[in-house]
N, C-alpha and C. Protein backbone atom coordinates (compact mmCIF):
# COMPACT_ATOMS: atom_id res chain seq x y z
N MET A 1 -12.29 0.77 6.96
CA MET A 1 -13.26 1.53 6.20
C MET A 1 -13.07 3.02 6.45
N ALA A 2 -13.27 3.81 5.39
CA ALA A 2 -13.06 5.26 5.47
C ALA A 2 -13.94 5.88 6.55
N VAL A 3 -13.42 6.93 7.18
CA VAL A 3 -14.13 7.63 8.25
C VAL A 3 -14.58 9.00 7.75
N LEU A 4 -15.88 9.29 7.91
CA LEU A 4 -16.45 10.57 7.48
C LEU A 4 -16.60 11.49 8.69
N ASN A 5 -15.96 12.66 8.60
CA ASN A 5 -16.08 13.67 9.65
C ASN A 5 -16.94 14.81 9.11
N LEU A 6 -18.21 14.84 9.52
CA LEU A 6 -19.14 15.84 8.99
C LEU A 6 -18.77 17.26 9.42
N LYS A 7 -18.21 17.39 10.61
CA LYS A 7 -17.85 18.71 11.13
C LYS A 7 -16.77 19.38 10.28
N SER A 8 -15.75 18.62 9.94
CA SER A 8 -14.64 19.17 9.15
C SER A 8 -14.82 18.94 7.65
N ARG A 9 -15.92 18.26 7.28
CA ARG A 9 -16.17 17.94 5.87
C ARG A 9 -14.97 17.21 5.27
N GLU A 10 -14.60 16.15 5.92
CA GLU A 10 -13.38 15.42 5.53
C GLU A 10 -13.62 13.92 5.60
N ILE A 11 -13.13 13.21 4.60
CA ILE A 11 -13.17 11.75 4.59
C ILE A 11 -11.74 11.25 4.73
N GLN A 12 -11.52 10.40 5.71
CA GLN A 12 -10.17 9.88 5.97
C GLN A 12 -10.09 8.43 5.53
N ALA A 13 -9.21 8.16 4.57
CA ALA A 13 -9.01 6.82 4.05
C ALA A 13 -7.67 6.27 4.55
N LYS A 14 -7.56 4.95 4.53
CA LYS A 14 -6.35 4.29 5.04
C LYS A 14 -5.74 3.44 3.94
N ILE A 15 -4.48 3.74 3.61
CA ILE A 15 -3.73 2.99 2.61
C ILE A 15 -2.59 2.26 3.31
N VAL A 16 -2.49 0.96 3.11
CA VAL A 16 -1.47 0.15 3.78
C VAL A 16 -0.50 -0.43 2.76
N TYR A 17 0.80 -0.23 3.02
CA TYR A 17 1.87 -0.85 2.22
C TYR A 17 2.22 -2.17 2.88
N TYR A 18 2.01 -3.25 2.15
CA TYR A 18 2.14 -4.61 2.68
C TYR A 18 3.21 -5.35 1.89
N GLY A 19 3.85 -6.33 2.50
CA GLY A 19 4.85 -7.12 1.80
C GLY A 19 5.82 -7.74 2.78
N PRO A 20 6.72 -8.58 2.27
CA PRO A 20 7.68 -9.25 3.15
C PRO A 20 8.66 -8.28 3.78
N GLY A 21 9.34 -8.71 4.83
CA GLY A 21 10.32 -7.88 5.51
C GLY A 21 11.41 -7.42 4.56
N ARG A 22 11.75 -6.15 4.66
CA ARG A 22 12.84 -5.54 3.88
C ARG A 22 12.59 -5.53 2.37
N SER A 23 11.33 -5.50 1.98
CA SER A 23 11.02 -5.43 0.55
C SER A 23 11.03 -3.99 0.04
N GLY A 24 10.99 -3.02 0.97
CA GLY A 24 11.04 -1.62 0.57
C GLY A 24 9.82 -0.82 0.95
N LYS A 25 8.98 -1.35 1.83
CA LYS A 25 7.78 -0.63 2.26
C LYS A 25 8.14 0.67 2.97
N THR A 26 9.04 0.56 3.93
CA THR A 26 9.49 1.74 4.68
C THR A 26 10.15 2.76 3.77
N THR A 27 10.96 2.29 2.84
CA THR A 27 11.66 3.18 1.92
C THR A 27 10.67 3.93 1.03
N ASN A 28 9.59 3.26 0.62
CA ASN A 28 8.53 3.93 -0.13
C ASN A 28 7.98 5.11 0.65
N LEU A 29 7.59 4.86 1.90
CA LEU A 29 6.98 5.92 2.69
C LEU A 29 7.96 7.03 3.02
N GLU A 30 9.22 6.67 3.25
CA GLU A 30 10.24 7.69 3.52
C GLU A 30 10.43 8.60 2.31
N PHE A 31 10.42 8.00 1.11
CA PHE A 31 10.57 8.79 -0.11
C PHE A 31 9.37 9.72 -0.29
N ILE A 32 8.16 9.19 -0.08
CA ILE A 32 6.94 10.00 -0.21
C ILE A 32 6.95 11.16 0.79
N HIS A 33 7.30 10.85 2.03
CA HIS A 33 7.29 11.86 3.09
C HIS A 33 8.29 12.98 2.79
N LYS A 34 9.40 12.62 2.20
CA LYS A 34 10.45 13.61 1.92
C LYS A 34 10.18 14.42 0.66
N ASN A 35 9.55 13.79 -0.34
CA ASN A 35 9.45 14.43 -1.65
C ASN A 35 8.07 14.99 -1.99
N TYR A 36 7.06 14.63 -1.22
CA TYR A 36 5.71 15.15 -1.47
C TYR A 36 5.33 16.10 -0.34
N THR A 37 6.14 17.10 -0.14
CA THR A 37 5.99 17.98 1.03
C THR A 37 4.67 18.75 1.04
N LYS A 38 4.13 19.09 -0.13
CA LYS A 38 2.87 19.83 -0.18
C LYS A 38 1.69 18.98 0.27
N GLN A 39 1.84 17.67 0.15
CA GLN A 39 0.72 16.78 0.46
C GLN A 39 0.85 16.11 1.83
N VAL A 40 2.04 16.12 2.37
CA VAL A 40 2.22 15.51 3.69
C VAL A 40 1.68 16.46 4.74
N ALA A 41 0.75 15.96 5.55
CA ALA A 41 0.03 16.83 6.48
C ALA A 41 0.49 16.68 7.93
N GLY A 42 1.52 15.92 8.16
CA GLY A 42 1.98 15.75 9.54
C GLY A 42 3.29 15.01 9.60
N LYS A 43 3.77 14.83 10.80
CA LYS A 43 5.03 14.11 10.99
C LYS A 43 4.86 12.62 10.72
N MET A 44 5.96 12.00 10.31
CA MET A 44 5.95 10.56 10.13
C MET A 44 6.23 9.91 11.48
N ILE A 45 5.36 9.02 11.89
CA ILE A 45 5.51 8.34 13.18
C ILE A 45 6.04 6.94 12.94
N SER A 46 7.03 6.57 13.68
CA SER A 46 7.67 5.27 13.54
C SER A 46 7.52 4.46 14.82
N ILE A 47 7.00 3.25 14.69
CA ILE A 47 6.92 2.32 15.82
C ILE A 47 7.92 1.21 15.55
N ASP A 48 8.98 1.21 16.30
CA ASP A 48 10.06 0.26 16.06
C ASP A 48 9.77 -1.10 16.68
N THR A 49 10.05 -2.14 15.88
CA THR A 49 10.09 -3.50 16.39
C THR A 49 11.49 -4.01 16.11
N HIS A 50 11.82 -5.15 16.61
CA HIS A 50 13.18 -5.65 16.45
C HIS A 50 13.45 -5.98 14.98
N GLY A 51 14.26 -5.15 14.32
CA GLY A 51 14.64 -5.41 12.94
C GLY A 51 13.60 -5.00 11.90
N ASP A 52 12.51 -4.36 12.33
CA ASP A 52 11.47 -3.96 11.40
C ASP A 52 10.73 -2.77 12.00
N ARG A 53 9.94 -2.08 11.17
CA ARG A 53 9.24 -0.89 11.67
C ARG A 53 7.84 -0.79 11.08
N THR A 54 6.98 -0.11 11.81
CA THR A 54 5.68 0.32 11.30
C THR A 54 5.71 1.83 11.23
N LEU A 55 5.40 2.37 10.07
CA LEU A 55 5.39 3.82 9.87
C LEU A 55 3.99 4.27 9.48
N PHE A 56 3.64 5.50 9.82
CA PHE A 56 2.42 6.07 9.28
C PHE A 56 2.47 7.59 9.36
N PHE A 57 1.74 8.24 8.43
CA PHE A 57 1.59 9.69 8.45
C PHE A 57 0.39 10.06 7.59
N ASP A 58 -0.13 11.26 7.81
CA ASP A 58 -1.26 11.77 7.03
C ASP A 58 -0.77 12.28 5.69
N PHE A 59 -1.60 12.07 4.67
CA PHE A 59 -1.24 12.47 3.31
C PHE A 59 -2.47 13.05 2.63
N LEU A 60 -2.29 14.19 1.97
CA LEU A 60 -3.40 14.85 1.28
C LEU A 60 -3.27 14.63 -0.22
N PRO A 61 -4.08 13.75 -0.79
CA PRO A 61 -3.98 13.47 -2.24
C PRO A 61 -4.61 14.58 -3.06
N LEU A 62 -3.87 15.66 -3.25
CA LEU A 62 -4.39 16.84 -3.94
C LEU A 62 -4.75 16.53 -5.39
N GLY A 63 -5.79 17.16 -5.85
CA GLY A 63 -6.15 17.04 -7.26
C GLY A 63 -6.98 15.83 -7.61
N LEU A 64 -7.37 15.04 -6.63
CA LEU A 64 -8.17 13.86 -6.92
C LEU A 64 -9.67 14.12 -6.76
N GLY A 65 -10.02 15.34 -6.39
CA GLY A 65 -11.43 15.68 -6.27
C GLY A 65 -11.98 15.44 -4.88
N LYS A 66 -13.32 15.56 -4.79
CA LYS A 66 -14.00 15.40 -3.51
C LYS A 66 -15.08 14.34 -3.61
N ILE A 67 -15.56 13.89 -2.48
CA ILE A 67 -16.70 12.99 -2.41
C ILE A 67 -17.79 13.69 -1.60
N LYS A 68 -18.93 13.93 -2.24
CA LYS A 68 -20.05 14.60 -1.56
C LYS A 68 -19.63 15.92 -0.92
N GLY A 69 -18.72 16.64 -1.60
CA GLY A 69 -18.26 17.92 -1.09
C GLY A 69 -17.23 17.83 0.02
N CYS A 70 -16.77 16.62 0.32
CA CYS A 70 -15.80 16.42 1.41
C CYS A 70 -14.39 16.25 0.85
N GLU A 71 -13.42 16.88 1.51
CA GLU A 71 -12.02 16.70 1.16
C GLU A 71 -11.57 15.29 1.55
N ILE A 72 -10.61 14.77 0.79
CA ILE A 72 -10.08 13.44 1.08
C ILE A 72 -8.73 13.57 1.77
N LYS A 73 -8.58 12.87 2.86
CA LYS A 73 -7.28 12.77 3.51
C LYS A 73 -6.94 11.28 3.64
N ALA A 74 -5.71 10.93 3.35
CA ALA A 74 -5.30 9.53 3.46
C ALA A 74 -4.28 9.38 4.57
N GLN A 75 -4.31 8.25 5.23
CA GLN A 75 -3.24 7.87 6.14
C GLN A 75 -2.48 6.74 5.49
N LEU A 76 -1.19 6.94 5.31
CA LEU A 76 -0.34 5.92 4.70
C LEU A 76 0.37 5.14 5.81
N TYR A 77 0.26 3.83 5.74
CA TYR A 77 0.86 2.95 6.75
C TYR A 77 1.77 1.92 6.09
N THR A 78 2.77 1.47 6.82
CA THR A 78 3.46 0.24 6.46
C THR A 78 3.17 -0.78 7.55
N VAL A 79 3.38 -2.04 7.22
CA VAL A 79 3.29 -3.10 8.24
C VAL A 79 4.67 -3.74 8.38
N PRO A 80 5.01 -4.26 9.57
CA PRO A 80 6.24 -5.03 9.70
C PRO A 80 6.10 -6.33 8.93
N GLY A 81 7.07 -6.63 8.09
CA GLY A 81 6.93 -7.77 7.20
C GLY A 81 7.39 -9.10 7.75
N GLN A 82 8.19 -9.08 8.80
CA GLN A 82 8.74 -10.33 9.31
C GLN A 82 7.65 -11.23 9.89
N VAL A 83 7.85 -12.53 9.76
CA VAL A 83 6.84 -13.53 10.09
C VAL A 83 6.28 -13.36 11.50
N GLN A 84 7.15 -13.08 12.46
CA GLN A 84 6.72 -13.06 13.87
C GLN A 84 5.78 -11.90 14.20
N TYR A 85 5.59 -10.95 13.28
CA TYR A 85 4.74 -9.80 13.57
C TYR A 85 3.38 -9.89 12.90
N ARG A 86 2.88 -11.09 12.75
CA ARG A 86 1.59 -11.30 12.08
C ARG A 86 0.46 -10.55 12.79
N ALA A 87 0.44 -10.62 14.12
CA ALA A 87 -0.62 -9.96 14.88
C ALA A 87 -0.59 -8.45 14.65
N THR A 88 0.62 -7.89 14.56
CA THR A 88 0.75 -6.45 14.31
C THR A 88 0.24 -6.10 12.92
N ARG A 89 0.57 -6.93 11.94
CA ARG A 89 0.09 -6.69 10.57
C ARG A 89 -1.43 -6.70 10.51
N GLU A 90 -2.02 -7.66 11.19
CA GLU A 90 -3.47 -7.76 11.20
C GLU A 90 -4.10 -6.53 11.85
N LEU A 91 -3.47 -6.03 12.90
CA LEU A 91 -3.96 -4.85 13.61
C LEU A 91 -3.88 -3.61 12.72
N VAL A 92 -2.74 -3.43 12.06
CA VAL A 92 -2.54 -2.27 11.18
C VAL A 92 -3.51 -2.31 10.00
N LEU A 93 -3.83 -3.51 9.54
CA LEU A 93 -4.67 -3.68 8.36
C LEU A 93 -6.15 -3.34 8.62
N LYS A 94 -6.56 -3.34 9.89
CA LYS A 94 -7.96 -3.08 10.21
C LYS A 94 -8.40 -1.70 9.71
N GLY A 95 -9.54 -1.67 9.06
CA GLY A 95 -10.06 -0.41 8.53
C GLY A 95 -9.41 0.03 7.23
N VAL A 96 -8.68 -0.87 6.57
CA VAL A 96 -7.95 -0.51 5.35
C VAL A 96 -8.92 -0.21 4.20
N ASP A 97 -8.55 0.76 3.37
CA ASP A 97 -9.33 1.11 2.18
C ASP A 97 -8.61 0.79 0.89
N GLY A 98 -7.29 0.69 0.94
CA GLY A 98 -6.50 0.38 -0.25
C GLY A 98 -5.16 -0.21 0.17
N VAL A 99 -4.58 -1.06 -0.70
CA VAL A 99 -3.34 -1.75 -0.36
C VAL A 99 -2.33 -1.65 -1.50
N VAL A 100 -1.08 -1.40 -1.15
CA VAL A 100 0.04 -1.55 -2.07
C VAL A 100 0.84 -2.76 -1.60
N PHE A 101 0.95 -3.77 -2.46
CA PHE A 101 1.77 -4.93 -2.11
C PHE A 101 3.16 -4.72 -2.70
N VAL A 102 4.16 -4.57 -1.83
CA VAL A 102 5.53 -4.32 -2.25
C VAL A 102 6.28 -5.64 -2.28
N ALA A 103 6.56 -6.12 -3.48
CA ALA A 103 7.28 -7.38 -3.66
C ALA A 103 8.76 -7.11 -3.91
N ASP A 104 9.59 -7.98 -3.38
CA ASP A 104 11.05 -7.87 -3.53
C ASP A 104 11.47 -8.59 -4.80
N SER A 105 12.17 -7.90 -5.70
CA SER A 105 12.56 -8.48 -6.99
C SER A 105 13.72 -9.46 -6.91
N LEU A 106 14.43 -9.49 -5.79
CA LEU A 106 15.56 -10.42 -5.67
C LEU A 106 15.08 -11.86 -5.78
N LYS A 107 15.81 -12.68 -6.54
CA LYS A 107 15.42 -14.08 -6.74
C LYS A 107 15.30 -14.84 -5.43
N VAL A 108 16.19 -14.52 -4.49
CA VAL A 108 16.20 -15.25 -3.21
C VAL A 108 14.97 -14.93 -2.35
N ARG A 109 14.21 -13.91 -2.75
CA ARG A 109 13.04 -13.50 -1.97
C ARG A 109 11.72 -13.99 -2.57
N ARG A 110 11.82 -14.81 -3.59
CA ARG A 110 10.63 -15.28 -4.31
C ARG A 110 9.61 -15.92 -3.37
N GLU A 111 10.04 -16.86 -2.56
CA GLU A 111 9.12 -17.57 -1.68
C GLU A 111 8.50 -16.63 -0.64
N LYS A 112 9.32 -15.69 -0.12
CA LYS A 112 8.82 -14.76 0.89
C LYS A 112 7.74 -13.86 0.32
N ASN A 113 7.87 -13.47 -0.96
CA ASN A 113 6.83 -12.68 -1.61
C ASN A 113 5.50 -13.44 -1.61
N MET A 114 5.56 -14.69 -2.02
CA MET A 114 4.34 -15.49 -2.13
C MET A 114 3.71 -15.76 -0.77
N LEU A 115 4.55 -16.00 0.24
CA LEU A 115 4.04 -16.22 1.59
C LEU A 115 3.39 -14.95 2.14
N SER A 116 3.98 -13.80 1.84
CA SER A 116 3.44 -12.53 2.32
C SER A 116 2.11 -12.22 1.65
N LEU A 117 1.99 -12.52 0.35
CA LEU A 117 0.73 -12.28 -0.35
C LEU A 117 -0.36 -13.20 0.20
N LYS A 118 0.01 -14.43 0.51
CA LYS A 118 -0.94 -15.37 1.12
C LYS A 118 -1.38 -14.84 2.49
N ASP A 119 -0.44 -14.29 3.25
CA ASP A 119 -0.73 -13.71 4.56
C ASP A 119 -1.71 -12.54 4.44
N LEU A 120 -1.50 -11.70 3.42
CA LEU A 120 -2.41 -10.58 3.17
C LEU A 120 -3.81 -11.10 2.88
N HIS A 121 -3.89 -12.08 2.00
CA HIS A 121 -5.18 -12.67 1.64
C HIS A 121 -5.91 -13.21 2.88
N GLU A 122 -5.17 -13.93 3.73
CA GLU A 122 -5.78 -14.53 4.92
C GLU A 122 -6.22 -13.48 5.92
N ASN A 123 -5.41 -12.44 6.12
CA ASN A 123 -5.76 -11.38 7.06
C ASN A 123 -7.00 -10.61 6.60
N LEU A 124 -7.07 -10.33 5.30
CA LEU A 124 -8.24 -9.65 4.76
C LEU A 124 -9.49 -10.52 4.91
N LYS A 125 -9.33 -11.80 4.63
CA LYS A 125 -10.45 -12.74 4.72
C LYS A 125 -11.02 -12.79 6.13
N ARG A 126 -10.12 -12.74 7.12
CA ARG A 126 -10.58 -12.75 8.51
C ARG A 126 -11.39 -11.50 8.85
N MET A 127 -11.15 -10.43 8.10
CA MET A 127 -11.91 -9.20 8.32
C MET A 127 -13.13 -9.10 7.41
N GLY A 128 -13.37 -10.18 6.66
CA GLY A 128 -14.53 -10.20 5.78
C GLY A 128 -14.32 -9.45 4.47
N ILE A 129 -13.06 -9.28 4.07
CA ILE A 129 -12.74 -8.55 2.84
C ILE A 129 -12.16 -9.50 1.80
N ASP A 130 -12.70 -9.46 0.60
CA ASP A 130 -12.18 -10.25 -0.52
C ASP A 130 -11.02 -9.49 -1.15
N ILE A 131 -9.87 -10.13 -1.24
CA ILE A 131 -8.68 -9.47 -1.80
C ILE A 131 -8.92 -9.00 -3.23
N ARG A 132 -9.86 -9.64 -3.94
CA ARG A 132 -10.13 -9.26 -5.33
C ARG A 132 -11.05 -8.05 -5.44
N ARG A 133 -11.58 -7.60 -4.31
CA ARG A 133 -12.53 -6.48 -4.35
C ARG A 133 -12.00 -5.20 -3.70
N ILE A 134 -10.86 -5.31 -3.04
CA ILE A 134 -10.29 -4.12 -2.41
C ILE A 134 -9.33 -3.45 -3.39
N PRO A 135 -9.24 -2.12 -3.42
CA PRO A 135 -8.24 -1.45 -4.26
C PRO A 135 -6.84 -1.96 -3.92
N LEU A 136 -6.17 -2.53 -4.91
CA LEU A 136 -4.88 -3.18 -4.69
C LEU A 136 -3.96 -2.89 -5.88
N VAL A 137 -2.71 -2.55 -5.57
CA VAL A 137 -1.70 -2.31 -6.59
C VAL A 137 -0.45 -3.11 -6.23
N MET A 138 0.16 -3.73 -7.22
CA MET A 138 1.42 -4.46 -7.04
C MET A 138 2.60 -3.56 -7.39
N GLN A 139 3.62 -3.61 -6.56
CA GLN A 139 4.87 -2.91 -6.88
C GLN A 139 6.02 -3.92 -6.83
N TYR A 140 6.74 -4.05 -7.94
CA TYR A 140 7.90 -4.94 -8.01
C TYR A 140 9.15 -4.09 -7.77
N ASN A 141 9.60 -4.09 -6.54
CA ASN A 141 10.61 -3.16 -6.08
C ASN A 141 12.04 -3.69 -6.25
N LYS A 142 12.99 -2.77 -6.09
CA LYS A 142 14.44 -3.05 -6.14
C LYS A 142 14.94 -3.38 -7.55
N ARG A 143 14.26 -2.87 -8.58
CA ARG A 143 14.72 -3.15 -9.94
C ARG A 143 16.08 -2.53 -10.23
N ASP A 144 16.47 -1.52 -9.45
CA ASP A 144 17.76 -0.87 -9.64
C ASP A 144 18.93 -1.79 -9.31
N LEU A 145 18.70 -2.84 -8.54
CA LEU A 145 19.79 -3.72 -8.11
C LEU A 145 20.37 -4.56 -9.25
N GLU A 146 19.64 -4.65 -10.35
CA GLU A 146 20.13 -5.42 -11.49
C GLU A 146 21.42 -4.82 -12.03
N LYS A 147 21.52 -3.50 -12.01
CA LYS A 147 22.73 -2.82 -12.50
C LYS A 147 23.93 -3.10 -11.60
N GLN A 148 23.65 -3.51 -10.36
CA GLN A 148 24.73 -3.83 -9.43
C GLN A 148 25.08 -5.31 -9.44
N GLY A 149 24.50 -6.06 -10.35
CA GLY A 149 24.85 -7.46 -10.51
C GLY A 149 24.04 -8.44 -9.67
N PHE A 150 23.02 -7.95 -8.97
CA PHE A 150 22.20 -8.86 -8.17
C PHE A 150 21.22 -9.62 -9.09
N PRO A 151 21.04 -10.92 -8.86
CA PRO A 151 20.10 -11.68 -9.69
C PRO A 151 18.65 -11.36 -9.31
N LEU A 152 17.92 -10.80 -10.28
CA LEU A 152 16.53 -10.44 -10.06
C LEU A 152 15.60 -11.35 -10.85
N MET A 153 14.38 -11.48 -10.36
CA MET A 153 13.36 -12.21 -11.10
C MET A 153 12.85 -11.36 -12.25
N PRO A 154 12.61 -11.95 -13.42
CA PRO A 154 12.01 -11.18 -14.51
C PRO A 154 10.64 -10.66 -14.08
N VAL A 155 10.31 -9.47 -14.53
CA VAL A 155 9.03 -8.86 -14.17
C VAL A 155 7.87 -9.75 -14.60
N GLU A 156 8.00 -10.37 -15.79
CA GLU A 156 6.92 -11.23 -16.30
C GLU A 156 6.68 -12.41 -15.37
N LYS A 157 7.76 -12.96 -14.81
CA LYS A 157 7.63 -14.09 -13.88
C LYS A 157 6.95 -13.65 -12.58
N MET A 158 7.35 -12.49 -12.07
CA MET A 158 6.73 -11.98 -10.85
C MET A 158 5.24 -11.73 -11.07
N ASP A 159 4.92 -11.15 -12.22
CA ASP A 159 3.52 -10.86 -12.52
C ASP A 159 2.71 -12.15 -12.64
N HIS A 160 3.33 -13.17 -13.21
CA HIS A 160 2.63 -14.46 -13.36
C HIS A 160 2.40 -15.11 -12.00
N GLU A 161 3.40 -15.09 -11.15
CA GLU A 161 3.30 -15.77 -9.85
C GLU A 161 2.43 -15.02 -8.84
N LEU A 162 2.48 -13.71 -8.88
CA LEU A 162 1.79 -12.93 -7.87
C LEU A 162 0.47 -12.31 -8.34
N ASN A 163 0.33 -12.15 -9.64
CA ASN A 163 -0.77 -11.30 -10.12
C ASN A 163 -1.65 -11.95 -11.19
N ARG A 164 -1.38 -13.20 -11.55
CA ARG A 164 -2.16 -13.77 -12.66
C ARG A 164 -3.64 -13.95 -12.31
N ARG A 165 -3.95 -14.18 -11.03
CA ARG A 165 -5.34 -14.34 -10.63
C ARG A 165 -5.98 -13.00 -10.24
N LEU A 166 -5.18 -12.13 -9.65
CA LEU A 166 -5.71 -10.85 -9.18
C LEU A 166 -5.90 -9.86 -10.32
N LYS A 167 -4.93 -9.85 -11.25
CA LYS A 167 -4.97 -8.95 -12.42
C LYS A 167 -5.16 -7.48 -12.01
N VAL A 168 -4.35 -7.05 -11.04
CA VAL A 168 -4.41 -5.66 -10.59
C VAL A 168 -3.28 -4.87 -11.24
N PRO A 169 -3.33 -3.54 -11.21
CA PRO A 169 -2.24 -2.74 -11.78
C PRO A 169 -0.91 -3.06 -11.10
N SER A 170 0.16 -3.09 -11.88
CA SER A 170 1.49 -3.38 -11.32
C SER A 170 2.51 -2.41 -11.88
N PHE A 171 3.53 -2.11 -11.05
CA PHE A 171 4.57 -1.16 -11.43
C PHE A 171 5.93 -1.69 -11.01
N THR A 172 6.93 -1.48 -11.86
CA THR A 172 8.31 -1.72 -11.45
C THR A 172 8.77 -0.48 -10.70
N ALA A 173 9.70 -0.69 -9.77
CA ALA A 173 10.08 0.46 -8.94
C ALA A 173 11.45 0.27 -8.31
N SER A 174 11.99 1.39 -7.87
CA SER A 174 13.12 1.43 -6.96
C SER A 174 12.77 2.47 -5.91
N ALA A 175 12.33 1.99 -4.76
CA ALA A 175 11.94 2.92 -3.70
C ALA A 175 13.12 3.76 -3.25
N LEU A 176 14.32 3.23 -3.43
CA LEU A 176 15.53 3.95 -3.02
C LEU A 176 15.75 5.19 -3.87
N THR A 177 15.54 5.09 -5.18
CA THR A 177 15.73 6.23 -6.08
C THR A 177 14.42 6.98 -6.31
N GLY A 178 13.31 6.34 -5.99
CA GLY A 178 12.01 6.97 -6.19
C GLY A 178 11.32 6.57 -7.48
N GLU A 179 12.02 5.81 -8.32
CA GLU A 179 11.43 5.39 -9.59
C GLU A 179 10.21 4.50 -9.33
N GLY A 180 9.08 4.87 -9.89
CA GLY A 180 7.87 4.06 -9.76
C GLY A 180 7.08 4.30 -8.48
N VAL A 181 7.66 5.02 -7.53
CA VAL A 181 6.98 5.26 -6.24
C VAL A 181 5.75 6.13 -6.43
N GLY A 182 5.90 7.22 -7.18
CA GLY A 182 4.78 8.12 -7.42
C GLY A 182 3.67 7.48 -8.23
N HIS A 183 4.04 6.69 -9.25
CA HIS A 183 3.04 6.01 -10.08
C HIS A 183 2.23 5.02 -9.24
N THR A 184 2.93 4.30 -8.37
CA THR A 184 2.25 3.34 -7.49
C THR A 184 1.26 4.05 -6.58
N LEU A 185 1.72 5.12 -5.94
CA LEU A 185 0.88 5.87 -5.02
C LEU A 185 -0.32 6.47 -5.73
N SER A 186 -0.08 7.07 -6.88
CA SER A 186 -1.15 7.71 -7.64
C SER A 186 -2.23 6.72 -8.02
N ARG A 187 -1.82 5.53 -8.47
CA ARG A 187 -2.81 4.54 -8.90
C ARG A 187 -3.63 4.01 -7.73
N VAL A 188 -2.97 3.71 -6.61
CA VAL A 188 -3.73 3.18 -5.47
C VAL A 188 -4.68 4.24 -4.92
N MET A 189 -4.28 5.51 -4.96
CA MET A 189 -5.15 6.57 -4.49
C MET A 189 -6.37 6.73 -5.40
N LYS A 190 -6.16 6.65 -6.70
CA LYS A 190 -7.27 6.78 -7.64
C LYS A 190 -8.24 5.61 -7.50
N LEU A 191 -7.71 4.40 -7.38
CA LEU A 191 -8.56 3.22 -7.20
C LEU A 191 -9.36 3.32 -5.90
N THR A 192 -8.70 3.80 -4.85
CA THR A 192 -9.36 3.93 -3.55
C THR A 192 -10.46 4.98 -3.61
N LEU A 193 -10.18 6.10 -4.27
CA LEU A 193 -11.18 7.16 -4.40
C LEU A 193 -12.40 6.65 -5.17
N GLN A 194 -12.17 5.93 -6.26
CA GLN A 194 -13.28 5.38 -7.05
C GLN A 194 -14.10 4.41 -6.21
N HIS A 195 -13.42 3.59 -5.43
CA HIS A 195 -14.09 2.61 -4.57
C HIS A 195 -14.93 3.31 -3.50
N LEU A 196 -14.36 4.35 -2.89
CA LEU A 196 -15.08 5.08 -1.85
C LEU A 196 -16.29 5.81 -2.41
N GLN A 197 -16.16 6.34 -3.62
CA GLN A 197 -17.30 7.02 -4.25
C GLN A 197 -18.47 6.06 -4.42
N LYS A 198 -18.17 4.83 -4.82
CA LYS A 198 -19.21 3.81 -4.97
C LYS A 198 -19.81 3.44 -3.62
N GLU A 199 -18.93 3.31 -2.60
CA GLU A 199 -19.40 2.94 -1.27
C GLU A 199 -20.33 4.01 -0.69
N PHE A 200 -19.94 5.27 -0.82
CA PHE A 200 -20.76 6.35 -0.27
C PHE A 200 -22.06 6.52 -1.06
N GLN A 201 -22.01 6.27 -2.36
CA GLN A 201 -23.21 6.35 -3.18
C GLN A 201 -24.19 5.24 -2.78
N TRP A 202 -23.64 4.05 -2.54
CA TRP A 202 -24.47 2.91 -2.11
C TRP A 202 -25.12 3.19 -0.77
N ALA A 203 -24.35 3.75 0.15
CA ALA A 203 -24.87 4.06 1.49
C ALA A 203 -25.98 5.11 1.41
N GLN A 204 -25.80 6.08 0.52
CA GLN A 204 -26.79 7.15 0.38
C GLN A 204 -28.07 6.61 -0.25
N ASP A 205 -27.91 5.70 -1.24
CA ASP A 205 -29.06 5.13 -1.92
C ASP A 205 -29.91 4.28 -0.97
N LYS A 206 -29.27 3.70 0.03
CA LYS A 206 -30.02 2.89 1.00
C LYS A 206 -30.95 3.76 1.85
């Protein structure tokens, strides 16, 4: 849940990039950190695990407005996607305000995408959060690999398997080239801001 700092007039939100191992979560954040220099407010911190990483850094979503006169600051996180790091994923997910689910478009990764989405659902449920009520955006990553001859799943099939019940915004992307990365980030930030505005209004009305 977002943290309100009355002294600095700042609301800090947490956005988590979730998905199977090597789906492109880290590459998304690396691209954002490198190319959105005006909005990046600090160094990118990397916590290495064997064959996977957790990254996070502060991000200032400029131009999205304020809530109750407070500036918005976001922390962008990735989670390690490999199965054995479930406890770490659950820890990183605590206090989340918005989620980007990064799905791997390679056909051979179909099952891992679905298992990872199920894992997200279960972790949120344990925290008392309904996956259908949290700001969530789907990203179908690695679409650039089709030009290199890799067999990819059709976008329509991915949307049907991963998003037919959730019906959340979805974007095709190549985190490596940056295609779709900005659109994904922009949408999850807008959804999160709208959600937080409702939450703070509800709290004030009480």
